[in-house]
N, C-alpha and C. Protein backbone atom coordinates (compact mmCIF):
# COMPACT_ATOMS: atom_id res chain seq x y z
N UNK A 1 -51.94 -17.63 -12.09
CA UNK A 1 -50.53 -17.52 -12.33
C UNK A 1 -50.29 -16.63 -13.54
N UNK A 2 -49.36 -15.67 -13.36
CA UNK A 2 -49.07 -14.70 -14.42
C UNK A 2 -47.67 -15.00 -14.98
N UNK A 3 -47.60 -15.04 -16.29
CA UNK A 3 -46.31 -15.25 -16.93
C UNK A 3 -45.66 -13.90 -17.18
N UNK A 4 -44.43 -13.75 -16.69
CA UNK A 4 -43.69 -12.49 -16.85
C UNK A 4 -42.38 -12.82 -17.56
N UNK A 5 -42.06 -12.02 -18.57
CA UNK A 5 -40.82 -12.20 -19.30
C UNK A 5 -39.75 -11.30 -18.67
N UNK A 6 -38.63 -11.91 -18.31
CA UNK A 6 -37.53 -11.15 -17.70
C UNK A 6 -36.39 -11.13 -18.71
N UNK A 7 -35.90 -9.93 -18.99
CA UNK A 7 -34.79 -9.81 -19.94
C UNK A 7 -33.71 -8.89 -19.35
N UNK A 8 -32.54 -8.96 -19.88
CA UNK A 8 -31.45 -8.09 -19.43
C UNK A 8 -30.92 -8.46 -18.06
N UNK A 9 -30.85 -9.76 -17.76
CA UNK A 9 -30.32 -10.17 -16.48
C UNK A 9 -28.81 -9.95 -16.43
N UNK A 10 -28.33 -9.46 -15.31
CA UNK A 10 -26.89 -9.26 -15.13
C UNK A 10 -26.58 -9.38 -13.65
N UNK A 11 -25.40 -9.87 -13.39
CA UNK A 11 -24.99 -9.98 -12.00
C UNK A 11 -24.53 -8.61 -11.50
N UNK A 12 -24.46 -8.48 -10.19
CA UNK A 12 -23.99 -7.24 -9.59
C UNK A 12 -22.54 -6.98 -10.02
N UNK A 13 -21.75 -8.04 -10.06
CA UNK A 13 -20.35 -7.90 -10.47
C UNK A 13 -20.27 -7.38 -11.92
N UNK A 14 -21.11 -7.90 -12.79
CA UNK A 14 -21.12 -7.45 -14.18
C UNK A 14 -21.51 -5.99 -14.31
N UNK A 15 -22.51 -5.57 -13.54
CA UNK A 15 -22.94 -4.17 -13.56
C UNK A 15 -21.82 -3.27 -13.04
N UNK A 16 -21.18 -3.69 -11.96
CA UNK A 16 -20.08 -2.90 -11.40
C UNK A 16 -18.91 -2.81 -12.37
N UNK A 17 -18.54 -3.93 -12.98
CA UNK A 17 -17.42 -3.92 -13.93
C UNK A 17 -17.72 -3.03 -15.13
N UNK A 18 -18.95 -3.05 -15.59
CA UNK A 18 -19.32 -2.20 -16.72
C UNK A 18 -19.28 -0.73 -16.34
N UNK A 19 -19.61 -0.41 -15.09
CA UNK A 19 -19.65 1.00 -14.70
C UNK A 19 -18.26 1.59 -14.47
N UNK A 20 -17.28 0.77 -14.13
CA UNK A 20 -15.94 1.30 -13.87
C UNK A 20 -14.95 0.95 -14.98
N UNK A 21 -15.40 0.32 -16.06
CA UNK A 21 -14.47 -0.10 -17.11
C UNK A 21 -13.84 1.10 -17.80
N UNK A 22 -14.57 2.18 -17.97
CA UNK A 22 -14.02 3.37 -18.61
C UNK A 22 -12.92 3.99 -17.75
N UNK A 23 -13.16 4.09 -16.46
CA UNK A 23 -12.14 4.62 -15.55
C UNK A 23 -10.94 3.68 -15.46
N UNK A 24 -11.21 2.39 -15.46
CA UNK A 24 -10.12 1.42 -15.38
C UNK A 24 -9.22 1.50 -16.61
N UNK A 25 -9.81 1.62 -17.80
CA UNK A 25 -8.99 1.72 -19.01
C UNK A 25 -8.21 3.03 -19.02
N UNK A 26 -8.78 4.10 -18.51
CA UNK A 26 -8.05 5.37 -18.40
C UNK A 26 -6.89 5.23 -17.43
N UNK A 27 -7.11 4.54 -16.33
CA UNK A 27 -6.03 4.34 -15.35
C UNK A 27 -4.92 3.48 -15.94
N UNK A 28 -5.26 2.44 -16.71
CA UNK A 28 -4.24 1.60 -17.34
C UNK A 28 -3.44 2.41 -18.36
N UNK A 29 -4.12 3.25 -19.13
CA UNK A 29 -3.43 4.07 -20.12
C UNK A 29 -2.49 5.07 -19.43
N UNK A 30 -2.96 5.69 -18.37
CA UNK A 30 -2.12 6.63 -17.62
C UNK A 30 -0.93 5.91 -16.99
N UNK A 31 -1.14 4.70 -16.49
CA UNK A 31 -0.04 3.93 -15.91
C UNK A 31 0.99 3.57 -16.97
N UNK A 32 0.53 3.17 -18.13
CA UNK A 32 1.44 2.83 -19.22
C UNK A 32 2.25 4.06 -19.65
N UNK A 33 1.59 5.18 -19.80
CA UNK A 33 2.29 6.40 -20.20
C UNK A 33 3.24 6.89 -19.10
N UNK A 34 2.86 6.71 -17.85
CA UNK A 34 3.74 7.09 -16.74
C UNK A 34 4.98 6.21 -16.73
N UNK A 35 4.81 4.92 -16.96
CA UNK A 35 5.96 4.01 -17.03
C UNK A 35 6.88 4.36 -18.19
N UNK A 36 6.32 4.69 -19.32
CA UNK A 36 7.12 5.09 -20.47
C UNK A 36 7.84 6.40 -20.18
N UNK A 37 7.17 7.33 -19.53
CA UNK A 37 7.80 8.59 -19.15
C UNK A 37 8.93 8.36 -18.15
N UNK A 38 8.73 7.45 -17.22
CA UNK A 38 9.77 7.12 -16.25
C UNK A 38 10.98 6.52 -16.94
N UNK A 39 10.75 5.61 -17.88
CA UNK A 39 11.85 5.01 -18.63
C UNK A 39 12.60 6.05 -19.45
N UNK A 40 11.88 6.93 -20.13
CA UNK A 40 12.54 7.98 -20.90
C UNK A 40 13.26 8.96 -19.99
N UNK A 41 12.73 9.18 -18.80
CA UNK A 41 13.41 10.06 -17.86
C UNK A 41 14.71 9.49 -17.36
N UNK A 42 14.75 8.17 -17.19
CA UNK A 42 15.98 7.53 -16.73
C UNK A 42 17.02 7.54 -17.85
N UNK A 43 16.65 6.98 -18.99
CA UNK A 43 17.59 6.82 -20.09
C UNK A 43 17.81 8.15 -20.80
N UNK A 44 16.74 8.86 -21.04
CA UNK A 44 16.83 10.14 -21.71
C UNK A 44 16.93 9.99 -23.21
N UNK A 45 16.82 11.11 -23.87
CA UNK A 45 16.95 11.18 -25.31
C UNK A 45 18.14 12.08 -25.59
N UNK A 46 19.11 11.59 -26.33
CA UNK A 46 20.34 12.32 -26.63
C UNK A 46 21.09 12.71 -25.37
N UNK A 47 21.08 11.84 -24.37
CA UNK A 47 21.84 12.08 -23.15
C UNK A 47 21.18 13.04 -22.18
N UNK A 48 19.95 13.47 -22.49
CA UNK A 48 19.27 14.40 -21.59
C UNK A 48 18.23 13.61 -20.80
N UNK A 49 18.70 12.93 -19.80
CA UNK A 49 17.87 12.18 -18.88
C UNK A 49 18.58 12.22 -17.54
N UNK A 50 18.00 11.58 -16.56
CA UNK A 50 18.61 11.57 -15.24
C UNK A 50 20.01 10.95 -15.32
N UNK A 51 20.12 9.83 -16.01
CA UNK A 51 21.42 9.17 -16.12
C UNK A 51 22.42 10.07 -16.85
N UNK A 52 22.02 10.68 -17.96
CA UNK A 52 22.91 11.53 -18.72
C UNK A 52 23.37 12.75 -17.94
N UNK A 53 22.45 13.35 -17.22
CA UNK A 53 22.80 14.53 -16.42
C UNK A 53 23.75 14.15 -15.30
N UNK A 54 23.48 13.05 -14.61
CA UNK A 54 24.35 12.63 -13.52
C UNK A 54 25.73 12.20 -14.04
N UNK A 55 25.77 11.55 -15.19
CA UNK A 55 27.05 11.16 -15.78
C UNK A 55 27.85 12.39 -16.18
N UNK A 56 27.19 13.38 -16.76
CA UNK A 56 27.86 14.61 -17.14
C UNK A 56 28.39 15.35 -15.90
N UNK A 57 27.58 15.38 -14.87
CA UNK A 57 28.00 16.07 -13.63
C UNK A 57 29.19 15.34 -13.00
N UNK A 58 29.19 14.02 -13.02
CA UNK A 58 30.33 13.26 -12.48
C UNK A 58 31.57 13.50 -13.33
N UNK A 59 31.40 13.60 -14.65
CA UNK A 59 32.54 13.86 -15.54
C UNK A 59 33.11 15.25 -15.29
N UNK A 60 32.24 16.22 -14.98
CA UNK A 60 32.71 17.57 -14.69
C UNK A 60 33.50 17.62 -13.38
N UNK A 61 33.21 16.71 -12.49
CA UNK A 61 33.87 16.70 -11.19
C UNK A 61 35.04 15.72 -11.14
N UNK A 62 35.53 15.30 -12.31
CA UNK A 62 36.61 14.32 -12.35
C UNK A 62 37.85 14.82 -11.61
N UNK A 63 38.20 16.08 -11.78
CA UNK A 63 39.39 16.62 -11.11
C UNK A 63 39.21 16.56 -9.59
N UNK A 64 38.05 17.00 -9.13
CA UNK A 64 37.78 16.96 -7.68
C UNK A 64 37.82 15.53 -7.16
N UNK A 65 37.22 14.60 -7.90
CA UNK A 65 37.20 13.20 -7.47
C UNK A 65 38.62 12.63 -7.46
N UNK A 66 39.43 12.98 -8.48
CA UNK A 66 40.81 12.52 -8.51
C UNK A 66 41.61 13.02 -7.31
N UNK A 67 41.40 14.26 -6.93
CA UNK A 67 42.08 14.82 -5.76
C UNK A 67 41.62 14.12 -4.49
N UNK A 68 40.32 13.86 -4.38
CA UNK A 68 39.81 13.16 -3.20
C UNK A 68 40.43 11.76 -3.08
N UNK A 69 40.54 11.07 -4.22
CA UNK A 69 41.14 9.73 -4.19
C UNK A 69 42.61 9.82 -3.81
N UNK A 70 43.31 10.84 -4.37
CA UNK A 70 44.73 11.01 -4.05
C UNK A 70 44.94 11.31 -2.57
N UNK A 71 43.97 11.96 -1.96
CA UNK A 71 44.08 12.28 -0.53
C UNK A 71 43.60 11.14 0.36
N UNK A 72 43.16 10.04 -0.24
CA UNK A 72 42.84 8.86 0.55
C UNK A 72 41.36 8.54 0.69
N UNK A 73 40.50 9.13 -0.12
CA UNK A 73 39.07 8.81 -0.04
C UNK A 73 38.83 7.39 -0.55
N UNK A 74 37.95 6.69 0.10
CA UNK A 74 37.62 5.33 -0.31
C UNK A 74 36.60 5.35 -1.44
N UNK A 75 36.43 4.22 -2.08
CA UNK A 75 35.44 4.11 -3.16
C UNK A 75 34.04 4.40 -2.66
N UNK A 76 33.73 3.96 -1.45
CA UNK A 76 32.40 4.21 -0.88
C UNK A 76 32.17 5.70 -0.67
N UNK A 77 33.20 6.41 -0.25
CA UNK A 77 33.06 7.86 -0.04
C UNK A 77 32.86 8.59 -1.37
N UNK A 78 33.56 8.15 -2.39
CA UNK A 78 33.42 8.77 -3.71
C UNK A 78 32.02 8.49 -4.27
N UNK A 79 31.56 7.25 -4.15
CA UNK A 79 30.22 6.90 -4.63
C UNK A 79 29.16 7.67 -3.85
N UNK A 80 29.40 7.87 -2.56
CA UNK A 80 28.39 8.59 -1.77
C UNK A 80 28.27 10.05 -2.20
N UNK A 81 29.35 10.63 -2.73
CA UNK A 81 29.27 12.00 -3.24
C UNK A 81 28.30 12.06 -4.42
N UNK A 82 28.42 11.10 -5.34
CA UNK A 82 27.54 11.06 -6.51
C UNK A 82 26.11 10.74 -6.09
N UNK A 83 25.96 9.77 -5.20
CA UNK A 83 24.61 9.39 -4.76
C UNK A 83 23.95 10.52 -3.96
N UNK A 84 24.72 11.25 -3.18
CA UNK A 84 24.15 12.35 -2.40
C UNK A 84 23.60 13.44 -3.31
N UNK A 85 24.35 13.75 -4.36
CA UNK A 85 23.87 14.75 -5.31
C UNK A 85 22.61 14.27 -6.04
N UNK A 86 22.60 12.99 -6.41
CA UNK A 86 21.43 12.43 -7.08
C UNK A 86 20.23 12.41 -6.14
N UNK A 87 20.48 12.10 -4.88
CA UNK A 87 19.39 12.07 -3.91
C UNK A 87 18.80 13.46 -3.70
N UNK A 88 19.64 14.47 -3.73
CA UNK A 88 19.16 15.85 -3.60
C UNK A 88 18.23 16.20 -4.75
N UNK A 89 18.61 15.80 -5.96
CA UNK A 89 17.77 16.04 -7.13
C UNK A 89 16.44 15.28 -7.00
N UNK A 90 16.51 14.02 -6.57
CA UNK A 90 15.30 13.22 -6.42
C UNK A 90 14.35 13.76 -5.36
N UNK A 91 14.89 14.20 -4.24
CA UNK A 91 14.04 14.74 -3.18
C UNK A 91 13.40 16.06 -3.62
N UNK A 92 14.17 16.90 -4.31
CA UNK A 92 13.61 18.16 -4.80
C UNK A 92 12.49 17.90 -5.81
N UNK A 93 12.71 16.96 -6.72
CA UNK A 93 11.66 16.61 -7.69
C UNK A 93 10.44 16.01 -7.04
N UNK A 94 10.66 15.18 -6.01
CA UNK A 94 9.53 14.59 -5.29
C UNK A 94 8.73 15.64 -4.56
N UNK A 95 9.41 16.60 -3.94
CA UNK A 95 8.70 17.66 -3.23
C UNK A 95 7.85 18.49 -4.18
N UNK A 96 8.40 18.81 -5.34
CA UNK A 96 7.63 19.56 -6.34
C UNK A 96 6.43 18.73 -6.81
N UNK A 97 6.64 17.44 -7.03
CA UNK A 97 5.55 16.57 -7.47
C UNK A 97 4.44 16.42 -6.46
N UNK A 98 4.79 16.30 -5.18
CA UNK A 98 3.77 16.16 -4.13
C UNK A 98 2.96 17.45 -4.01
N UNK A 99 3.64 18.58 -4.08
CA UNK A 99 2.92 19.86 -4.01
C UNK A 99 1.97 20.00 -5.20
N UNK A 100 2.44 19.63 -6.39
CA UNK A 100 1.58 19.68 -7.58
C UNK A 100 0.41 18.71 -7.46
N UNK A 101 0.66 17.52 -6.93
CA UNK A 101 -0.41 16.53 -6.77
C UNK A 101 -1.45 17.00 -5.76
N UNK A 102 -0.99 17.62 -4.69
CA UNK A 102 -1.95 18.15 -3.72
C UNK A 102 -2.79 19.26 -4.34
N UNK A 103 -2.17 20.07 -5.18
CA UNK A 103 -2.91 21.13 -5.86
C UNK A 103 -3.90 20.59 -6.88
N UNK A 104 -3.59 19.46 -7.48
CA UNK A 104 -4.46 18.86 -8.49
C UNK A 104 -5.27 17.68 -7.97
N UNK A 105 -5.44 17.60 -6.66
CA UNK A 105 -6.06 16.42 -6.06
C UNK A 105 -7.51 16.21 -6.51
N UNK A 106 -8.25 17.25 -6.72
CA UNK A 106 -9.65 17.09 -7.15
C UNK A 106 -9.70 16.48 -8.55
N UNK A 107 -8.80 16.94 -9.43
CA UNK A 107 -8.74 16.38 -10.78
C UNK A 107 -8.28 14.92 -10.74
N UNK A 108 -7.29 14.62 -9.93
CA UNK A 108 -6.81 13.24 -9.81
C UNK A 108 -7.89 12.33 -9.23
N UNK A 109 -8.65 12.83 -8.29
CA UNK A 109 -9.70 12.02 -7.69
C UNK A 109 -10.75 11.65 -8.72
N UNK A 110 -11.02 12.53 -9.68
CA UNK A 110 -12.02 12.21 -10.70
C UNK A 110 -11.49 11.18 -11.70
N UNK A 111 -10.16 11.07 -11.86
CA UNK A 111 -9.59 10.13 -12.81
C UNK A 111 -9.29 8.76 -12.22
N UNK A 112 -8.81 8.73 -10.98
CA UNK A 112 -8.35 7.48 -10.39
C UNK A 112 -9.42 6.90 -9.48
N UNK A 113 -9.76 5.66 -9.72
CA UNK A 113 -10.79 5.00 -8.95
C UNK A 113 -10.24 4.58 -7.60
N UNK A 114 -10.88 4.99 -6.54
CA UNK A 114 -10.51 4.58 -5.19
C UNK A 114 -9.40 5.39 -4.56
N UNK A 115 -9.00 6.50 -5.18
CA UNK A 115 -7.97 7.36 -4.61
C UNK A 115 -8.64 8.62 -4.10
N UNK A 116 -8.50 8.87 -2.81
CA UNK A 116 -9.09 10.05 -2.22
C UNK A 116 -8.14 11.23 -2.30
N UNK A 117 -8.60 12.37 -1.80
CA UNK A 117 -7.77 13.58 -1.83
C UNK A 117 -6.55 13.45 -0.94
N UNK A 118 -6.66 12.70 0.11
CA UNK A 118 -5.53 12.58 1.03
C UNK A 118 -5.10 11.12 1.18
N UNK A 119 -4.99 10.42 0.06
CA UNK A 119 -4.57 9.03 0.06
C UNK A 119 -3.05 8.98 0.28
N UNK A 120 -2.65 8.58 1.47
CA UNK A 120 -1.24 8.61 1.86
C UNK A 120 -0.40 7.67 0.99
N UNK A 121 -0.93 6.51 0.65
CA UNK A 121 -0.17 5.56 -0.16
C UNK A 121 0.14 6.14 -1.54
N UNK A 122 -0.83 6.80 -2.12
CA UNK A 122 -0.62 7.39 -3.45
C UNK A 122 0.40 8.52 -3.38
N UNK A 123 0.38 9.30 -2.31
CA UNK A 123 1.31 10.43 -2.19
C UNK A 123 2.70 10.02 -1.73
N UNK A 124 2.85 8.81 -1.20
CA UNK A 124 4.18 8.34 -0.80
C UNK A 124 4.81 7.41 -1.84
N UNK A 125 3.99 6.67 -2.58
CA UNK A 125 4.56 5.73 -3.54
C UNK A 125 5.19 6.44 -4.74
N UNK A 126 4.61 7.54 -5.17
CA UNK A 126 5.19 8.30 -6.29
C UNK A 126 6.59 8.81 -5.99
N UNK A 127 6.77 9.54 -4.88
CA UNK A 127 8.13 9.97 -4.53
C UNK A 127 9.09 8.82 -4.28
N UNK A 128 8.61 7.73 -3.71
CA UNK A 128 9.48 6.58 -3.47
C UNK A 128 9.99 6.00 -4.79
N UNK A 129 9.11 5.90 -5.77
CA UNK A 129 9.52 5.39 -7.09
C UNK A 129 10.50 6.36 -7.74
N UNK A 130 10.23 7.66 -7.63
CA UNK A 130 11.12 8.65 -8.23
C UNK A 130 12.51 8.62 -7.60
N UNK A 131 12.58 8.55 -6.30
CA UNK A 131 13.88 8.52 -5.62
C UNK A 131 14.63 7.23 -5.93
N UNK A 132 13.92 6.11 -5.96
CA UNK A 132 14.56 4.84 -6.32
C UNK A 132 15.08 4.89 -7.76
N UNK A 133 14.33 5.51 -8.64
CA UNK A 133 14.74 5.65 -10.04
C UNK A 133 15.99 6.50 -10.16
N UNK A 134 16.02 7.60 -9.44
CA UNK A 134 17.19 8.49 -9.48
C UNK A 134 18.43 7.77 -8.94
N UNK A 135 18.27 7.05 -7.85
CA UNK A 135 19.41 6.31 -7.29
C UNK A 135 19.87 5.20 -8.23
N UNK A 136 18.93 4.56 -8.90
CA UNK A 136 19.29 3.54 -9.90
C UNK A 136 20.05 4.16 -11.06
N UNK A 137 19.60 5.33 -11.52
CA UNK A 137 20.27 6.00 -12.63
C UNK A 137 21.65 6.52 -12.23
N UNK A 138 21.86 6.76 -10.94
CA UNK A 138 23.15 7.26 -10.46
C UNK A 138 24.17 6.15 -10.23
N UNK A 139 23.76 4.91 -10.30
CA UNK A 139 24.67 3.81 -9.98
C UNK A 139 25.84 3.73 -10.95
N UNK A 140 25.58 3.85 -12.24
CA UNK A 140 26.67 3.75 -13.22
C UNK A 140 27.64 4.93 -13.13
N UNK A 141 27.16 6.18 -13.05
CA UNK A 141 28.11 7.28 -12.86
C UNK A 141 28.89 7.17 -11.54
N UNK A 142 28.26 6.67 -10.49
CA UNK A 142 28.97 6.52 -9.21
C UNK A 142 30.05 5.46 -9.33
N UNK A 143 29.75 4.37 -10.02
CA UNK A 143 30.75 3.32 -10.23
C UNK A 143 31.91 3.85 -11.07
N UNK A 144 31.60 4.63 -12.11
CA UNK A 144 32.64 5.22 -12.94
C UNK A 144 33.50 6.21 -12.17
N UNK A 145 32.89 6.94 -11.26
CA UNK A 145 33.65 7.91 -10.47
C UNK A 145 34.64 7.23 -9.54
N UNK A 146 34.31 6.03 -9.09
CA UNK A 146 35.24 5.32 -8.20
C UNK A 146 36.44 4.76 -8.96
N UNK A 147 36.36 4.71 -10.27
CA UNK A 147 37.43 4.15 -11.09
C UNK A 147 38.35 5.22 -11.67
N UNK A 148 38.25 6.47 -11.20
CA UNK A 148 39.09 7.55 -11.70
C UNK A 148 40.53 7.32 -11.25
N UNK A 149 41.46 7.49 -12.18
CA UNK A 149 42.88 7.34 -11.87
C UNK A 149 43.44 8.71 -11.46
N UNK A 150 43.78 8.90 -10.18
CA UNK A 150 44.23 10.22 -9.75
C UNK A 150 45.55 10.65 -10.37
N UNK A 151 46.39 9.72 -10.75
CA UNK A 151 47.67 10.06 -11.35
C UNK A 151 47.46 10.74 -12.70
N UNK A 152 46.55 10.18 -13.53
CA UNK A 152 46.25 10.78 -14.83
C UNK A 152 45.63 12.16 -14.67
N UNK A 153 44.77 12.30 -13.71
CA UNK A 153 44.09 13.59 -13.49
C UNK A 153 45.10 14.64 -13.05
N UNK A 154 45.95 14.30 -12.11
CA UNK A 154 46.89 15.29 -11.58
C UNK A 154 47.99 15.60 -12.59
N UNK A 155 48.37 14.67 -13.45
CA UNK A 155 49.38 14.94 -14.49
C UNK A 155 48.83 15.83 -15.57
N UNK A 156 47.53 15.77 -15.83
CA UNK A 156 46.95 16.60 -16.89
C UNK A 156 46.88 18.07 -16.51
N UNK A 157 47.09 18.39 -15.26
CA UNK A 157 47.01 19.79 -14.80
C UNK A 157 48.23 20.56 -15.15
């Protein structure tokens, strides 16, 4: 009988966790920074964010909105004008982002664990979050646009 000393025992799970911990921490950091970027994009700094831009655009169209209301447009129709413009911006930004992601797919594959070059979920979830964010940011300007008093607008002319 031979006595053998065994050292450095580790489970397969422990070895796997140690090998992907660096990538996992990079992914968490990127997710945190992406969330912060998304929040700053919605709220903006000094009114330069999605919400600020949409609110400014709705304020610029106050005369048009007042005329539409005076001609009998419903609140839903007025809100849909603001949401339609916001949706156009969101879809354009999503298209640019997907094209950029496809161009940078090799780099993204090296950073993100388990994401392939043609991972459909990754390429659809980003635009979905962006469009939902834009529509969320457009809610307050759309609500404000429905509250325009057409009498005040038309008297100011």
